[in-house]
Protein backbone atom coordinates (compact mmCIF):
# COMPACT_ATOMS: atom_id res chain seq x y z
CA MET A 1 -46.80 7.73 -5.45
CA ALA A 2 -48.22 10.98 -4.06
CA GLN A 3 -50.56 13.39 -5.78
CA TYR A 4 -49.38 16.97 -6.32
CA ARG A 5 -51.35 20.10 -7.13
CA TYR A 6 -49.08 22.11 -9.40
CA THR A 7 -48.86 25.48 -11.12
CA ALA A 8 -46.65 25.64 -14.20
CA LYS A 9 -45.95 27.70 -17.31
CA ASP A 10 -46.15 26.19 -20.78
CA MET A 11 -43.94 26.99 -23.77
CA ASP A 12 -46.12 30.00 -24.65
CA GLY A 13 -45.95 31.44 -21.15
CA ASN A 14 -49.52 30.47 -20.23
CA THR A 15 -50.32 29.40 -16.66
CA VAL A 16 -51.29 25.72 -16.34
CA LYS A 17 -52.68 24.12 -13.17
CA GLY A 18 -53.51 20.50 -12.43
CA ILE A 19 -53.03 17.39 -10.30
CA VAL A 20 -50.39 14.77 -11.16
CA GLU A 21 -49.09 11.64 -9.44
CA ALA A 22 -45.33 11.59 -8.91
CA ALA A 23 -42.81 9.80 -6.73
CA SER A 24 -41.31 13.11 -5.58
CA GLU A 25 -41.32 16.79 -6.42
CA GLU A 26 -38.17 16.35 -8.50
CA ALA A 27 -39.95 13.63 -10.48
CA LEU A 28 -42.88 16.00 -10.95
CA TYR A 29 -40.47 18.67 -12.18
CA ASP A 30 -38.95 16.24 -14.70
CA THR A 31 -42.39 15.05 -15.84
CA LEU A 32 -43.59 18.56 -16.51
CA ARG A 33 -40.35 19.53 -18.28
CA ALA A 34 -40.83 16.52 -20.59
CA GLU A 35 -44.28 17.93 -21.44
CA GLY A 36 -42.83 21.37 -22.19
CA LYS A 37 -43.96 22.91 -18.91
CA TYR A 38 -41.91 24.75 -16.30
CA LEU A 39 -42.90 24.15 -12.66
CA VAL A 40 -43.68 27.33 -10.71
CA ASP A 41 -45.23 25.93 -7.53
CA CYS A 42 -46.59 22.65 -6.21
CA ARG A 43 -48.22 21.27 -3.11
CA LYS A 44 -48.73 17.68 -2.02
CA LYS A 45 -52.44 16.90 -2.06
CA GLY A 46 -53.84 16.52 1.45
CA GLY A 47 -51.20 18.62 3.17
CA ASP A 48 -48.64 21.39 2.86
CA LYS A 49 -45.57 19.16 2.85
CA ASN A 50 -43.78 19.65 6.16
CA GLY A 51 -46.05 22.57 7.02
CA TYR A 52 -43.31 25.07 7.89
CA SER A 53 -44.21 28.74 7.69
CA LYS A 54 -42.52 31.10 5.25
CA ILE A 55 -39.01 32.21 6.23
CA LYS A 56 -38.67 35.99 6.39
CA THR A 57 -36.67 37.70 3.66
CA PRO A 58 -33.73 38.89 5.84
CA VAL A 59 -33.36 35.36 7.22
CA VAL A 60 -33.38 33.92 3.69
CA ALA A 61 -30.69 36.45 2.71
CA ASP A 62 -28.53 35.43 5.70
CA PHE A 63 -29.05 31.73 4.87
CA CYS A 64 -27.93 32.28 1.27
CA ARG A 65 -24.92 34.37 2.37
CA GLN A 66 -23.67 31.69 4.78
CA LEU A 67 -24.43 28.87 2.35
CA GLY A 68 -22.47 30.51 -0.47
CA THR A 69 -19.54 31.57 1.73
CA LEU A 70 -19.07 28.17 3.40
CA LEU A 71 -19.45 26.17 0.17
CA ALA A 72 -16.96 28.47 -1.58
CA ALA A 73 -14.51 27.80 1.28
CA GLY A 74 -14.70 24.07 0.58
CA VAL A 75 -17.00 23.04 3.45
CA SER A 76 -19.30 20.13 2.60
CA LEU A 77 -23.01 20.81 2.13
CA VAL A 78 -24.08 18.69 5.14
CA ARG A 79 -21.58 20.39 7.45
CA THR A 80 -22.53 23.80 6.04
CA LEU A 81 -26.17 23.25 6.96
CA ASN A 82 -25.12 21.99 10.39
CA ILE A 83 -23.14 25.20 10.98
CA ILE A 84 -25.99 27.42 9.78
CA ALA A 85 -28.56 25.57 11.92
CA GLY A 86 -26.29 25.85 14.95
CA GLU A 87 -26.13 29.66 14.95
CA ALA A 88 -26.69 30.91 18.50
CA ASP A 89 -29.08 33.74 17.57
CA LEU A 90 -31.12 31.68 15.09
CA LYS A 91 -34.78 31.17 16.02
CA PRO A 92 -35.65 27.52 16.82
CA LYS A 93 -38.30 27.36 14.07
CA TYR A 94 -35.71 28.26 11.42
CA ALA A 95 -33.12 25.89 12.88
CA LYS A 96 -35.74 23.12 12.64
CA VAL A 97 -36.19 23.84 8.92
CA TYR A 98 -32.43 23.76 8.27
CA ARG A 99 -32.08 20.50 10.23
CA SER A 100 -34.86 19.00 8.14
CA VAL A 101 -33.04 20.01 4.94
CA GLN A 102 -29.82 18.55 6.31
CA GLU A 103 -31.49 15.22 7.13
CA ALA A 104 -33.01 15.02 3.65
CA ILE A 105 -29.61 15.61 2.03
CA ILE A 106 -28.02 12.88 4.18
CA GLN A 107 -30.67 10.53 2.77
CA GLY A 108 -29.44 11.33 -0.74
CA ILE A 109 -31.93 14.02 -1.81
CA SER A 110 -30.68 17.07 -3.71
CA LEU A 111 -30.59 20.47 -1.98
CA SER A 112 -33.34 21.96 -4.17
CA GLU A 113 -35.68 19.03 -3.51
CA ALA A 114 -34.89 19.08 0.21
CA MET A 115 -35.75 22.78 0.33
CA GLU A 116 -38.91 22.13 -1.65
CA GLN A 117 -40.02 19.53 0.89
CA GLN A 118 -40.17 22.20 3.59
CA GLY A 119 -43.51 23.56 2.37
CA ARG A 120 -43.61 27.33 2.03
CA ALA A 121 -40.44 27.86 4.04
CA PHE A 122 -38.15 28.77 1.11
CA PRO A 123 -39.15 31.07 -1.78
CA VAL A 124 -39.97 29.31 -5.06
CA LEU A 125 -37.49 31.61 -6.81
CA LEU A 126 -34.63 30.45 -4.57
CA ILE A 127 -35.53 26.77 -5.08
CA ASN A 128 -35.51 27.19 -8.86
CA MET A 129 -32.20 29.02 -8.71
CA ILE A 130 -30.61 26.27 -6.60
CA ARG A 131 -32.01 23.61 -8.95
CA SER A 132 -30.38 25.38 -11.91
CA ALA A 133 -27.12 25.75 -9.94
CA GLU A 134 -27.06 22.03 -9.18
CA THR A 135 -27.08 21.36 -12.92
CA ASN A 136 -24.29 23.87 -13.56
CA GLY A 137 -22.28 23.02 -10.43
CA ASN A 138 -22.10 26.56 -9.06
CA ILE A 139 -24.32 26.50 -5.95
CA ASP A 140 -21.92 28.72 -4.00
CA ALA A 141 -21.94 31.51 -6.61
CA VAL A 142 -25.71 31.36 -7.05
CA ALA A 143 -26.28 31.37 -3.28
CA LEU A 144 -24.16 34.51 -2.91
CA ARG A 145 -26.00 36.12 -5.81
CA MET A 146 -29.36 35.33 -4.19
CA ALA A 147 -28.07 36.72 -0.88
CA ASN A 148 -27.50 40.07 -2.59
CA HIS A 149 -30.91 39.77 -4.27
CA TYR A 150 -32.83 39.25 -1.02
CA GLU A 151 -30.78 41.83 0.89
CA LYS A 152 -31.68 44.51 -1.67
CA GLU A 153 -35.31 43.42 -1.67
CA ASN A 154 -35.46 43.54 2.12
CA ARG A 155 -33.74 46.94 2.22
CA LEU A 156 -36.38 48.54 -0.01
CA ASN A 157 -39.30 46.81 1.73
CA THR A 158 -37.99 47.94 5.12
CA LYS A 159 -37.71 51.54 3.94
CA VAL A 160 -41.28 51.43 2.64
CA LYS A 161 -42.59 50.08 5.96
CA ASN A 162 -40.58 52.55 8.05
CA ALA A 163 -41.67 55.46 5.91
CA MET A 164 -45.33 54.56 6.42
CA ILE A 165 -45.14 54.40 10.23
CA TYR A 166 -45.54 58.15 10.84
CA PRO A 167 -48.48 58.62 8.41
CA ALA A 168 -50.12 55.52 9.91
CA VAL A 169 -49.78 56.95 13.44
CA LEU A 170 -51.34 60.24 12.26
CA MET A 171 -54.23 58.35 10.67
CA VAL A 172 -54.89 56.44 13.90
CA LEU A 173 -54.80 59.70 15.88
CA LEU A 174 -57.16 61.31 13.37
CA PHE A 175 -59.79 58.57 13.63
CA GLY A 176 -59.26 58.33 17.39
CA ALA A 177 -59.82 62.06 17.83
CA ALA A 178 -62.95 61.97 15.66
CA ALA A 179 -64.38 59.03 17.63
CA PHE A 180 -63.57 60.69 20.98
CA ILE A 181 -65.29 63.91 19.93
CA LEU A 182 -68.43 62.15 18.67
CA ILE A 183 -68.76 59.77 21.63
CA PHE A 184 -67.65 61.90 24.60
CA ILE A 185 -67.51 65.61 23.67
CA MET A 186 -70.70 66.20 21.67
CA PRO A 187 -73.07 64.60 24.24
CA GLN A 188 -71.95 67.31 26.71
CA PHE A 189 -73.66 69.93 24.53
CA GLU A 190 -76.81 67.92 23.87
CA ASP A 191 -78.91 69.49 26.67
CA MET A 192 -77.86 73.00 25.73
CA PHE A 193 -78.65 72.48 22.03
CA ALA A 194 -82.04 70.91 22.91
CA GLU A 195 -83.16 74.25 24.41
CA MET A 196 -82.45 76.16 21.21
CA GLU A 197 -85.25 76.69 18.70
CA SER A 198 -83.15 75.89 15.65
CA LEU A 199 -79.65 74.63 14.96
CA PRO A 200 -77.37 75.22 11.96
CA LEU A 201 -77.11 72.38 9.45
CA ILE A 202 -73.49 71.68 10.37
CA THR A 203 -74.45 71.25 14.04
CA ARG A 204 -77.39 68.97 13.22
CA MET A 205 -75.09 66.82 11.07
CA LEU A 206 -72.53 66.49 13.86
CA MET A 207 -75.17 65.70 16.49
CA GLY A 208 -76.70 63.10 14.15
CA MET A 209 -73.32 61.39 13.74
CA SER A 210 -72.77 61.51 17.51
CA ASP A 211 -76.17 59.88 18.18
CA ALA A 212 -75.46 57.20 15.59
CA PHE A 213 -72.11 56.37 17.16
CA GLN A 214 -73.59 56.16 20.65
CA LYS A 215 -76.67 54.08 19.75
CA TYR A 216 -75.40 51.92 16.88
CA TRP A 217 -71.65 51.68 17.46
CA TYR A 218 -71.77 47.87 17.32
CA LEU A 219 -73.61 47.95 13.97
CA ILE A 220 -71.05 50.40 12.60
CA ILE A 221 -68.22 48.07 13.63
CA ILE A 222 -70.03 45.08 12.10
CA VAL A 223 -70.58 46.98 8.83
CA ILE A 224 -66.93 48.08 8.67
CA VAL A 225 -65.68 44.53 9.32
CA ALA A 226 -68.16 43.14 6.78
CA VAL A 227 -67.09 45.63 4.12
CA ILE A 228 -63.40 44.85 4.73
CA GLY A 229 -64.13 41.12 4.55
CA LEU A 230 -66.16 41.59 1.36
CA PHE A 231 -63.33 43.46 -0.34
CA LYS A 232 -60.78 40.85 0.78
CA TRP A 233 -62.97 38.10 -0.67
CA LEU A 234 -63.60 40.09 -3.83
CA PHE A 235 -59.89 40.59 -4.44
CA THR A 236 -59.31 36.83 -4.32
CA ILE A 237 -61.13 36.73 -7.68
CA PRO A 238 -58.42 37.10 -10.37
CA ALA A 239 -60.36 39.61 -12.48
CA ALA A 240 -61.05 41.85 -9.46
CA ALA A 241 -57.43 41.57 -8.28
CA ARG A 242 -56.22 42.67 -11.71
CA LEU A 243 -58.58 45.68 -11.71
CA LYS A 244 -57.44 46.67 -8.22
CA ASP A 245 -53.75 46.42 -9.16
CA GLN A 246 -54.38 48.31 -12.40
CA PHE A 247 -56.06 51.10 -10.43
CA LYS A 248 -53.10 51.28 -8.01
CA LEU A 249 -50.80 52.10 -10.93
CA HIS A 250 -52.86 55.19 -11.81
CA ILE A 251 -53.08 56.74 -8.33
CA PRO A 252 -51.37 60.15 -8.45
CA ILE A 253 -47.83 60.07 -7.01
CA VAL A 254 -48.35 56.61 -5.44
CA GLY A 255 -48.79 54.95 -8.84
CA LYS A 256 -45.47 56.31 -10.09
CA LEU A 257 -43.72 55.03 -6.97
CA LEU A 258 -45.28 51.58 -7.36
CA ARG A 259 -44.24 51.36 -11.01
CA LYS A 260 -40.63 51.97 -10.01
CA ILE A 261 -40.79 49.33 -7.28
CA TYR A 262 -42.39 46.72 -9.57
CA THR A 263 -39.92 47.41 -12.38
CA ALA A 264 -36.91 47.20 -10.05
CA ARG A 265 -38.20 43.95 -8.54
CA PHE A 266 -38.70 42.36 -11.95
CA ALA A 267 -35.33 43.53 -13.28
CA ARG A 268 -33.46 42.28 -10.21
CA THR A 269 -35.13 38.86 -10.31
CA LEU A 270 -34.63 38.47 -14.06
CA SER A 271 -30.98 39.45 -13.69
CA SER A 272 -30.46 36.83 -10.96
CA LEU A 273 -32.12 34.11 -13.02
CA TYR A 274 -30.39 34.96 -16.30
CA GLY A 275 -27.00 35.44 -14.62
CA SER A 276 -27.33 31.95 -13.10
CA GLY A 277 -27.67 30.26 -16.46
CA ILE A 278 -31.48 30.05 -16.83
CA THR A 279 -32.62 30.98 -20.33
CA ILE A 280 -34.65 34.15 -20.81
CA VAL A 281 -37.70 32.18 -21.96
CA ASN A 282 -37.71 30.11 -18.77
CA ALA A 283 -36.71 33.04 -16.54
CA LEU A 284 -39.50 35.37 -17.65
CA PRO A 285 -42.48 33.52 -16.08
CA ILE A 286 -40.57 33.03 -12.82
CA ALA A 287 -39.57 36.69 -12.66
CA ALA A 288 -43.13 37.74 -13.50
CA ASP A 289 -44.46 35.84 -10.48
CA THR A 290 -42.31 37.98 -8.14
CA ILE A 291 -43.59 41.37 -9.38
CA GLY A 292 -46.44 41.57 -6.86
CA ASN A 293 -48.99 43.14 -9.22
CA ALA A 294 -51.64 40.87 -10.78
CA TYR A 295 -52.32 43.30 -13.64
CA ILE A 296 -48.69 43.38 -14.80
CA GLU A 297 -48.23 39.64 -14.23
CA SER A 298 -51.30 38.83 -16.39
CA GLN A 299 -49.63 40.47 -19.39
CA PHE A 300 -46.79 37.95 -19.26
CA GLU A 301 -48.98 35.13 -20.56
CA LYS A 302 -47.98 36.21 -24.08
CA VAL A 303 -44.52 37.61 -23.37
CA SER A 304 -42.66 34.27 -23.31
CA GLY A 305 -44.35 33.18 -26.53
CA ARG A 306 -43.29 36.34 -28.35
CA VAL A 307 -39.71 36.01 -27.10
CA ARG A 308 -39.67 32.35 -28.13
CA MET A 309 -40.79 33.40 -31.62
CA GLY A 310 -37.68 35.54 -31.91
CA GLU A 311 -38.84 39.02 -30.87
CA PRO A 312 -36.27 41.02 -28.88
CA LEU A 313 -37.03 41.15 -25.16
CA SER A 314 -36.75 44.95 -25.16
CA ARG A 315 -39.50 45.27 -27.81
CA VAL A 316 -41.80 42.83 -25.99
CA LEU A 317 -41.39 44.53 -22.59
CA ARG A 318 -42.10 47.90 -24.15
CA ASP A 319 -45.69 46.68 -24.62
CA VAL A 320 -46.08 45.62 -20.97
CA LYS A 321 -48.14 48.30 -19.21
CA GLY A 322 -47.05 49.16 -15.69
CA PHE A 323 -43.25 49.16 -16.13
CA GLN A 324 -40.98 52.18 -16.37
CA ASN A 325 -39.98 52.99 -19.95
CA LYS A 326 -36.30 52.95 -19.06
CA LEU A 327 -36.48 49.17 -18.48
CA ALA A 328 -36.99 48.41 -22.18
CA ALA A 329 -34.38 51.02 -23.18
CA SER A 330 -31.78 49.54 -20.82
CA ILE A 331 -32.49 45.98 -21.98
CA MET A 332 -32.05 47.10 -25.59
CA VAL A 333 -28.56 48.36 -24.72
CA GLY A 334 -27.83 45.08 -22.92
CA GLU A 335 -28.96 43.06 -25.94
CA GLU A 336 -26.76 45.09 -28.26
CA THR A 337 -23.66 44.90 -26.05
CA GLY A 338 -24.16 41.31 -24.84
CA SER A 339 -24.30 42.34 -21.17
CA LEU A 340 -27.98 41.87 -20.42
CA ASP A 341 -27.56 40.70 -16.80
CA ASP A 342 -25.32 43.68 -15.99
CA MET A 343 -27.81 46.12 -17.51
CA LEU A 344 -30.67 44.52 -15.56
CA ASP A 345 -28.65 44.89 -12.34
CA SER A 346 -27.91 48.49 -13.21
CA ILE A 347 -31.52 49.41 -13.95
CA ALA A 348 -32.67 47.69 -10.75
CA GLU A 349 -30.15 49.69 -8.68
CA SER A 350 -31.19 52.92 -10.42
CA LEU A 351 -34.89 52.31 -9.87
CA ASP A 352 -34.32 51.30 -6.23
CA TYR A 353 -32.64 54.67 -5.66
CA GLU A 354 -35.43 56.52 -7.47
CA ALA A 355 -38.06 54.62 -5.48
CA GLU A 356 -36.37 55.60 -2.21
CA LYS A 357 -36.35 59.27 -3.22
CA ALA A 358 -39.97 59.09 -4.42
CA LEU A 359 -40.93 57.46 -1.12
CA GLU A 360 -39.27 60.27 0.83
CA ARG A 361 -41.19 62.85 -1.22
CA LEU A 362 -44.46 60.97 -0.69
CA VAL A 363 -43.99 60.87 3.09
CA ALA A 364 -43.01 64.55 3.10
CA LEU A 365 -46.28 65.28 1.28
CA LEU A 366 -48.46 63.00 3.43
CA GLU A 367 -47.40 64.51 6.76
CA PRO A 368 -48.75 68.05 6.16
CA VAL A 369 -51.82 66.69 4.35
CA LEU A 370 -52.78 64.53 7.34
CA ILE A 371 -52.08 67.36 9.79
CA ILE A 372 -54.29 69.67 7.74
CA LEU A 373 -56.99 67.00 7.63
CA MET A 374 -56.84 66.67 11.40
CA ALA A 375 -57.12 70.44 11.73
CA VAL A 376 -60.17 70.41 9.41
CA VAL A 377 -61.90 67.77 11.57
CA VAL A 378 -61.23 69.70 14.78
CA GLY A 379 -62.23 72.95 13.08
CA PHE A 380 -65.46 71.38 11.86
CA VAL A 381 -66.34 70.41 15.44
CA VAL A 382 -65.43 73.82 16.84
CA VAL A 383 -67.57 75.61 14.25
CA ALA A 384 -70.47 73.20 14.81
CA VAL A 385 -70.38 73.96 18.56
CA ILE A 386 -69.64 77.69 18.46
CA LEU A 387 -72.01 78.63 15.62
CA PRO A 388 -75.34 77.89 17.43
CA ILE A 389 -74.05 79.61 20.59
CA TYR A 390 -73.05 82.65 18.55
CA GLN A 391 -76.45 82.70 16.81
CA SER A 392 -78.18 82.43 20.21
CA TYR A 393 -76.31 85.46 21.54
CA SER A 394 -77.15 87.39 18.35
CA THR A 395 -80.84 86.59 18.81
CA ILE A 396 -80.73 87.80 22.44
CA GLU A 397 -79.02 91.04 21.45
CA GLN A 398 -81.63 91.70 18.76
CA GLY A 399 -84.38 91.13 21.35
CA TYR A 400 -82.98 93.93 23.44
């Protein structure tokens, strides 16, 4: 019997962590379910299972697409995995994971447990979905549904990353230009400025920064690295992480974009879970863990309990701060018409589209702002250099 560190949700939606002995992860799952807990994540004590790294989202989407298509065509599970692992353009590290899953299934282990044994390779959401599908006997349909889920998630994430490339390049150029000016340009004027009786404040400030960069550049780098490390450590503390994520939601323009992304992510995940036969009460804590915002996720500790007590989901989600208001309104329509999963899919699609448009507007706004900022930095340097020279010529003219 191995020991497992686990994270689970109880009947009231509260997060529960602990260490339990179990023969396997499936046995741990059954043990926790008997205690009224729903397993979210687990790790074998003393190691990370098979130690495989996390599979990237587009690869997971492709895996689900092939799994669902081949199973629906009547191909056996073992042969399906053999075909997927034998893809010519598949990276060896992913093929190794699929082969490991295949070997576990040959030994009589279920697909969900075999995937769970691969460490962090497969998303917890996908494992839970497959486990539910094994009970209902519709692995092919669920796999295809999850393929769509991860393809949409990857599409939005890719657009966010691509949109940020140009602003990131401008930021690097801005800091690079500032460093070049302080380290190489300003020292060229040092001798000339030293002969002047007095310098304007703006020039003295710039020369002071230039001296600091030249003499203490290593200390500046150490301080910057230390500050970054301090903030990274600080944000590992749950309370600090919640405050940071709460602040992100109130940043002008950016906060509105993030709220749309978080709401779409939650709606899409909840739709996939609910459409695959998982009850709303059990689906809520799993969907909450995929939001990506600690502040919003912390509010779900009471959500499942309220839904279990009979409150409509739309009314409960209306009280969750950080979501778009249209989520609760759409869910209310879904509850009234009996098409909740369809409404969740619809709202996720709508918010994805709105997020893409908001992202385009944000990038369109950032580009001129960064260009103006770069112009201000260069202008500041030009003024700091020209002003004392101009004042010197004025003094000479007055002397004549």
